[in-house]
Amino acid sequence: MTESDAVRALAALAQQSRLQIFRQLVVAGVEGMTPSRLTDALGVPGTALSFHLKELTHAGLITQERDGRNLIYRAELTTMNDLLSFMTPTAVPVSPVRWWARARPVLHVDSCNLPSLTSTPLE
């Protein structure tokens, strides 16, 4: 992944609706989703959805496949993994996903049953 590819992908995800669309497609997995299912799930109007899908496709973050009369959109996880690899410092001796997971926030409940977020390394 080049620096301009990374900038394009990050710019595409730096908009709330596009981030929600991408996350929804990640959850949908290999089955993907049609635009009408995305509209139903997220409430994004069709014209806006079309624009956002075009931007995500241009950034390489999603793919589009025709299935009869329907278009099926899927998250392109290879691009996201490439982006994570690009963003990960080369001095980190573990894979990008493993490095990222090592510092993910973990929910803890204290003695008063009040939740708090801390960053706990995973081993």
N, C-alpha and C. Protein backbone atom coordinates (compact mmCIF):
# COMPACT_ATOMS: atom_id res chain seq x y z
N MET A 1 0.85 -1.18 0.00
CA MET A 1 0.00 0.00 0.00
C MET A 1 0.89 1.23 0.00
N THR A 2 0.56 2.16 -0.86
CA THR A 2 1.31 3.41 -0.92
C THR A 2 0.72 4.41 0.07
N GLU A 3 1.47 5.47 0.29
CA GLU A 3 0.98 6.51 1.19
C GLU A 3 -0.31 7.14 0.63
N SER A 4 -0.38 7.35 -0.67
CA SER A 4 -1.60 7.94 -1.24
C SER A 4 -2.79 6.99 -1.12
N ASP A 5 -2.56 5.66 -1.22
CA ASP A 5 -3.63 4.69 -0.99
C ASP A 5 -4.14 4.79 0.45
N ALA A 6 -3.22 4.91 1.39
CA ALA A 6 -3.60 5.01 2.81
C ALA A 6 -4.40 6.28 3.06
N VAL A 7 -3.96 7.38 2.48
CA VAL A 7 -4.68 8.65 2.65
C VAL A 7 -6.08 8.54 2.07
N ARG A 8 -6.22 7.92 0.91
CA ARG A 8 -7.52 7.75 0.27
C ARG A 8 -8.45 6.89 1.15
N ALA A 9 -7.92 5.80 1.69
CA ALA A 9 -8.74 4.92 2.53
C ALA A 9 -9.14 5.61 3.83
N LEU A 10 -8.19 6.29 4.46
CA LEU A 10 -8.50 6.98 5.71
C LEU A 10 -9.49 8.12 5.47
N ALA A 11 -9.34 8.84 4.36
CA ALA A 11 -10.27 9.93 4.04
C ALA A 11 -11.68 9.38 3.83
N ALA A 12 -11.78 8.23 3.18
CA ALA A 12 -13.09 7.63 2.94
C ALA A 12 -13.76 7.24 4.26
N LEU A 13 -12.99 6.76 5.20
CA LEU A 13 -13.54 6.34 6.48
C LEU A 13 -13.74 7.50 7.46
N ALA A 14 -13.24 8.67 7.12
CA ALA A 14 -13.33 9.82 8.01
C ALA A 14 -14.65 10.56 7.87
N GLN A 15 -15.67 9.88 7.44
CA GLN A 15 -17.01 10.45 7.32
C GLN A 15 -17.97 9.46 7.99
N GLN A 16 -18.84 9.96 8.84
CA GLN A 16 -19.67 9.11 9.70
C GLN A 16 -20.49 8.08 8.92
N SER A 17 -21.19 8.49 7.89
CA SER A 17 -22.02 7.54 7.14
C SER A 17 -21.19 6.46 6.47
N ARG A 18 -20.04 6.86 5.89
CA ARG A 18 -19.19 5.87 5.23
C ARG A 18 -18.60 4.90 6.24
N LEU A 19 -18.24 5.39 7.40
CA LEU A 19 -17.73 4.50 8.45
C LEU A 19 -18.81 3.51 8.87
N GLN A 20 -20.04 3.98 9.04
CA GLN A 20 -21.14 3.09 9.41
C GLN A 20 -21.41 2.05 8.31
N ILE A 21 -21.36 2.47 7.06
CA ILE A 21 -21.56 1.55 5.94
C ILE A 21 -20.48 0.48 5.95
N PHE A 22 -19.23 0.91 6.08
CA PHE A 22 -18.12 -0.05 6.08
C PHE A 22 -18.27 -1.04 7.23
N ARG A 23 -18.58 -0.56 8.41
CA ARG A 23 -18.74 -1.45 9.57
C ARG A 23 -19.89 -2.42 9.35
N GLN A 24 -20.98 -1.94 8.76
CA GLN A 24 -22.12 -2.81 8.48
C GLN A 24 -21.73 -3.91 7.50
N LEU A 25 -20.93 -3.56 6.50
CA LEU A 25 -20.49 -4.56 5.53
C LEU A 25 -19.49 -5.55 6.14
N VAL A 26 -18.69 -5.10 7.08
CA VAL A 26 -17.79 -6.03 7.79
C VAL A 26 -18.62 -7.05 8.54
N VAL A 27 -19.66 -6.60 9.21
CA VAL A 27 -20.54 -7.50 9.96
C VAL A 27 -21.26 -8.47 9.02
N ALA A 28 -21.66 -7.99 7.84
CA ALA A 28 -22.37 -8.83 6.87
C ALA A 28 -21.49 -9.95 6.34
N GLY A 29 -20.19 -9.74 6.35
CA GLY A 29 -19.26 -10.78 5.92
C GLY A 29 -19.32 -11.06 4.43
N VAL A 30 -19.06 -12.32 4.06
CA VAL A 30 -18.99 -12.68 2.64
C VAL A 30 -20.34 -12.61 1.95
N GLU A 31 -21.41 -12.66 2.71
CA GLU A 31 -22.75 -12.54 2.12
C GLU A 31 -22.95 -11.16 1.51
N GLY A 32 -22.37 -10.14 2.12
CA GLY A 32 -22.51 -8.79 1.63
C GLY A 32 -23.93 -8.26 1.82
N MET A 33 -24.18 -7.10 1.27
CA MET A 33 -25.49 -6.47 1.39
C MET A 33 -25.82 -5.71 0.12
N THR A 34 -27.10 -5.65 -0.18
CA THR A 34 -27.59 -4.83 -1.28
C THR A 34 -27.77 -3.40 -0.77
N PRO A 35 -27.83 -2.43 -1.66
CA PRO A 35 -28.08 -1.06 -1.22
C PRO A 35 -29.39 -0.93 -0.43
N SER A 36 -30.42 -1.66 -0.83
CA SER A 36 -31.69 -1.54 -0.10
C SER A 36 -31.56 -2.07 1.32
N ARG A 37 -30.80 -3.15 1.51
CA ARG A 37 -30.58 -3.65 2.88
C ARG A 37 -29.75 -2.67 3.70
N LEU A 38 -28.77 -2.03 3.07
CA LEU A 38 -27.98 -1.02 3.78
C LEU A 38 -28.85 0.16 4.18
N THR A 39 -29.72 0.60 3.28
CA THR A 39 -30.63 1.70 3.59
C THR A 39 -31.53 1.33 4.76
N ASP A 40 -32.08 0.12 4.74
CA ASP A 40 -32.94 -0.33 5.84
C ASP A 40 -32.17 -0.39 7.15
N ALA A 41 -30.94 -0.89 7.11
CA ALA A 41 -30.15 -1.06 8.33
C ALA A 41 -29.66 0.26 8.90
N LEU A 42 -29.29 1.21 8.03
CA LEU A 42 -28.64 2.43 8.50
C LEU A 42 -29.49 3.69 8.36
N GLY A 43 -30.54 3.62 7.56
CA GLY A 43 -31.38 4.80 7.36
C GLY A 43 -30.76 5.87 6.50
N VAL A 44 -29.75 5.51 5.72
CA VAL A 44 -29.12 6.48 4.82
C VAL A 44 -29.96 6.54 3.54
N PRO A 45 -30.38 7.73 3.13
CA PRO A 45 -31.18 7.84 1.90
C PRO A 45 -30.44 7.29 0.69
N GLY A 46 -31.18 6.77 -0.28
CA GLY A 46 -30.61 6.12 -1.44
C GLY A 46 -29.60 6.94 -2.21
N THR A 47 -29.88 8.22 -2.43
CA THR A 47 -28.95 9.05 -3.19
C THR A 47 -27.65 9.26 -2.43
N ALA A 48 -27.74 9.48 -1.14
CA ALA A 48 -26.54 9.64 -0.32
C ALA A 48 -25.78 8.32 -0.24
N LEU A 49 -26.51 7.22 -0.10
CA LEU A 49 -25.88 5.90 -0.02
C LEU A 49 -25.08 5.63 -1.28
N SER A 50 -25.64 5.93 -2.43
CA SER A 50 -24.96 5.72 -3.70
C SER A 50 -23.63 6.47 -3.74
N PHE A 51 -23.64 7.73 -3.30
CA PHE A 51 -22.42 8.54 -3.26
C PHE A 51 -21.39 7.91 -2.33
N HIS A 52 -21.82 7.50 -1.12
CA HIS A 52 -20.89 6.94 -0.15
C HIS A 52 -20.32 5.60 -0.62
N LEU A 53 -21.15 4.78 -1.25
CA LEU A 53 -20.67 3.50 -1.78
C LEU A 53 -19.63 3.72 -2.87
N LYS A 54 -19.84 4.74 -3.69
CA LYS A 54 -18.87 5.07 -4.74
C LYS A 54 -17.53 5.48 -4.13
N GLU A 55 -17.58 6.29 -3.08
CA GLU A 55 -16.34 6.74 -2.42
C GLU A 55 -15.60 5.57 -1.77
N LEU A 56 -16.33 4.69 -1.11
CA LEU A 56 -15.70 3.52 -0.48
C LEU A 56 -15.13 2.57 -1.52
N THR A 57 -15.83 2.42 -2.64
CA THR A 57 -15.34 1.57 -3.72
C THR A 57 -14.07 2.16 -4.33
N HIS A 58 -14.08 3.48 -4.56
CA HIS A 58 -12.92 4.17 -5.12
C HIS A 58 -11.70 4.02 -4.21
N ALA A 59 -11.92 4.00 -2.91
CA ALA A 59 -10.83 3.85 -1.94
C ALA A 59 -10.39 2.40 -1.82
N GLY A 60 -11.09 1.47 -2.46
CA GLY A 60 -10.72 0.06 -2.40
C GLY A 60 -11.17 -0.64 -1.14
N LEU A 61 -12.03 0.02 -0.35
CA LEU A 61 -12.47 -0.56 0.92
C LEU A 61 -13.65 -1.51 0.78
N ILE A 62 -14.38 -1.40 -0.33
CA ILE A 62 -15.50 -2.31 -0.57
C ILE A 62 -15.46 -2.76 -2.03
N THR A 63 -16.12 -3.88 -2.29
CA THR A 63 -16.26 -4.36 -3.66
C THR A 63 -17.72 -4.40 -4.03
N GLN A 64 -17.97 -4.42 -5.32
CA GLN A 64 -19.33 -4.45 -5.84
C GLN A 64 -19.43 -5.63 -6.81
N GLU A 65 -20.48 -6.42 -6.67
CA GLU A 65 -20.71 -7.54 -7.57
C GLU A 65 -22.17 -7.55 -8.00
N ARG A 66 -22.40 -7.79 -9.28
CA ARG A 66 -23.76 -7.88 -9.77
C ARG A 66 -24.24 -9.31 -9.61
N ASP A 67 -25.43 -9.46 -9.02
CA ASP A 67 -26.08 -10.76 -8.86
C ASP A 67 -27.48 -10.63 -9.45
N GLY A 68 -27.60 -10.94 -10.73
CA GLY A 68 -28.88 -10.72 -11.41
C GLY A 68 -29.16 -9.24 -11.51
N ARG A 69 -30.27 -8.83 -10.94
CA ARG A 69 -30.64 -7.41 -10.94
C ARG A 69 -30.07 -6.65 -9.74
N ASN A 70 -29.49 -7.37 -8.81
CA ASN A 70 -29.00 -6.74 -7.58
C ASN A 70 -27.51 -6.47 -7.61
N LEU A 71 -27.11 -5.44 -6.91
CA LEU A 71 -25.70 -5.18 -6.64
C LEU A 71 -25.43 -5.63 -5.21
N ILE A 72 -24.37 -6.38 -5.03
CA ILE A 72 -23.98 -6.83 -3.70
C ILE A 72 -22.67 -6.14 -3.34
N TYR A 73 -22.65 -5.50 -2.20
CA TYR A 73 -21.44 -4.82 -1.71
C TYR A 73 -20.86 -5.63 -0.56
N ARG A 74 -19.52 -5.73 -0.54
CA ARG A 74 -18.81 -6.45 0.52
C ARG A 74 -17.60 -5.63 0.97
N ALA A 75 -17.27 -5.74 2.24
CA ALA A 75 -16.06 -5.09 2.74
C ALA A 75 -14.86 -5.81 2.15
N GLU A 76 -13.87 -5.05 1.73
CA GLU A 76 -12.63 -5.61 1.19
C GLU A 76 -11.61 -5.62 2.33
N LEU A 77 -11.60 -6.72 3.06
CA LEU A 77 -10.77 -6.82 4.26
C LEU A 77 -9.28 -6.86 3.94
N THR A 78 -8.93 -7.28 2.75
CA THR A 78 -7.52 -7.27 2.36
C THR A 78 -6.99 -5.84 2.37
N THR A 79 -7.78 -4.92 1.85
CA THR A 79 -7.36 -3.51 1.86
C THR A 79 -7.23 -2.99 3.28
N MET A 80 -8.18 -3.36 4.15
CA MET A 80 -8.10 -2.91 5.54
C MET A 80 -6.86 -3.50 6.22
N ASN A 81 -6.56 -4.76 5.96
CA ASN A 81 -5.34 -5.36 6.53
C ASN A 81 -4.09 -4.68 5.99
N ASP A 82 -4.09 -4.34 4.70
CA ASP A 82 -2.96 -3.60 4.13
C ASP A 82 -2.82 -2.24 4.79
N LEU A 83 -3.95 -1.58 5.06
CA LEU A 83 -3.91 -0.28 5.73
C LEU A 83 -3.35 -0.42 7.14
N LEU A 84 -3.79 -1.43 7.87
CA LEU A 84 -3.26 -1.66 9.21
C LEU A 84 -1.76 -1.96 9.17
N SER A 85 -1.33 -2.73 8.19
CA SER A 85 0.10 -3.02 8.05
C SER A 85 0.88 -1.75 7.75
N PHE A 86 0.32 -0.92 6.89
CA PHE A 86 0.97 0.35 6.55
C PHE A 86 1.09 1.26 7.77
N MET A 87 0.04 1.27 8.59
CA MET A 87 -0.01 2.16 9.74
C MET A 87 0.83 1.66 10.92
N THR A 88 1.18 0.40 10.91
CA THR A 88 1.93 -0.20 12.01
C THR A 88 3.41 0.10 11.85
N PRO A 89 4.02 0.62 12.89
CA PRO A 89 5.46 0.88 12.82
C PRO A 89 6.22 -0.42 12.53
N THR A 90 7.24 -0.34 11.69
CA THR A 90 7.98 -1.54 11.32
C THR A 90 8.76 -2.13 12.47
N ALA A 91 8.97 -1.37 13.54
CA ALA A 91 9.70 -1.88 14.69
C ALA A 91 8.85 -2.82 15.54
N VAL A 92 7.55 -2.84 15.31
CA VAL A 92 6.67 -3.71 16.09
C VAL A 92 6.87 -5.14 15.59
N PRO A 93 7.27 -6.07 16.46
CA PRO A 93 7.62 -7.42 16.02
C PRO A 93 6.44 -8.37 15.83
N VAL A 94 5.20 -7.89 15.92
CA VAL A 94 4.04 -8.76 15.75
C VAL A 94 3.19 -8.25 14.60
N SER A 95 2.25 -9.06 14.15
CA SER A 95 1.40 -8.64 13.04
C SER A 95 0.57 -7.43 13.46
N PRO A 96 0.12 -6.61 12.49
CA PRO A 96 -0.64 -5.40 12.82
C PRO A 96 -1.89 -5.68 13.64
N VAL A 97 -2.62 -6.73 13.29
CA VAL A 97 -3.84 -7.03 14.03
C VAL A 97 -3.50 -7.41 15.46
N ARG A 98 -2.48 -8.21 15.66
CA ARG A 98 -2.05 -8.61 17.00
C ARG A 98 -1.58 -7.39 17.80
N TRP A 99 -0.79 -6.51 17.16
CA TRP A 99 -0.31 -5.31 17.83
C TRP A 99 -1.47 -4.43 18.26
N TRP A 100 -2.45 -4.26 17.38
CA TRP A 100 -3.60 -3.43 17.68
C TRP A 100 -4.41 -4.03 18.81
N ALA A 101 -4.59 -5.33 18.80
CA ALA A 101 -5.39 -6.00 19.82
C ALA A 101 -4.71 -5.94 21.19
N ARG A 102 -3.39 -5.80 21.21
CA ARG A 102 -2.67 -5.80 22.48
C ARG A 102 -3.04 -4.59 23.35
N ALA A 103 -3.48 -3.51 22.76
CA ALA A 103 -3.78 -2.31 23.53
C ALA A 103 -5.25 -1.92 23.42
N ARG A 104 -6.10 -2.88 23.09
CA ARG A 104 -7.51 -2.52 22.96
C ARG A 104 -8.13 -2.26 24.32
N PRO A 105 -9.12 -1.36 24.38
CA PRO A 105 -9.77 -1.07 25.65
C PRO A 105 -10.54 -2.29 26.17
N VAL A 106 -10.46 -2.48 27.47
CA VAL A 106 -11.18 -3.58 28.10
C VAL A 106 -12.08 -3.00 29.17
N LEU A 107 -13.32 -3.47 29.24
CA LEU A 107 -14.28 -2.98 30.22
C LEU A 107 -14.05 -3.69 31.55
N HIS A 108 -13.86 -2.93 32.60
CA HIS A 108 -13.71 -3.47 33.95
C HIS A 108 -14.84 -2.94 34.82
N VAL A 109 -15.23 -3.72 35.80
CA VAL A 109 -16.24 -3.29 36.75
C VAL A 109 -15.57 -3.23 38.12
N ASP A 110 -15.64 -2.05 38.75
CA ASP A 110 -14.99 -1.91 40.06
C ASP A 110 -15.92 -2.42 41.16
N SER A 111 -15.49 -2.28 42.41
CA SER A 111 -16.25 -2.82 43.54
C SER A 111 -17.62 -2.17 43.71
N CYS A 112 -17.81 -1.00 43.15
CA CYS A 112 -19.11 -0.32 43.22
C CYS A 112 -19.97 -0.66 42.00
N ASN A 113 -19.51 -1.62 41.19
CA ASN A 113 -20.20 -2.02 39.97
C ASN A 113 -20.31 -0.89 38.94
N LEU A 114 -19.33 0.01 38.96
CA LEU A 114 -19.30 1.08 37.97
C LEU A 114 -18.27 0.70 36.91
N PRO A 115 -18.70 0.60 35.65
CA PRO A 115 -17.75 0.21 34.61
C PRO A 115 -16.75 1.31 34.33
N SER A 116 -15.55 0.90 33.96
CA SER A 116 -14.52 1.84 33.54
C SER A 116 -13.73 1.21 32.40
N LEU A 117 -13.23 2.05 31.51
CA LEU A 117 -12.43 1.57 30.40
C LEU A 117 -10.96 1.75 30.72
N THR A 118 -10.19 0.71 30.50
CA THR A 118 -8.75 0.82 30.62
C THR A 118 -8.14 0.14 29.41
N SER A 119 -6.88 0.38 29.22
CA SER A 119 -6.18 -0.28 28.12
C SER A 119 -5.37 -1.40 28.72
N THR A 120 -5.72 -2.63 28.39
CA THR A 120 -5.06 -3.79 28.95
C THR A 120 -4.42 -4.59 27.83
N PRO A 121 -3.11 -4.84 27.92
CA PRO A 121 -2.47 -5.65 26.88
C PRO A 121 -3.01 -7.08 26.89
N LEU A 122 -3.16 -7.63 25.72
CA LEU A 122 -3.58 -9.02 25.58
C LEU A 122 -2.36 -9.87 25.38
N GLU A 123 -2.33 -11.02 25.93
CA GLU A 123 -1.21 -11.94 25.75
C GLU A 123 -1.70 -13.23 25.19
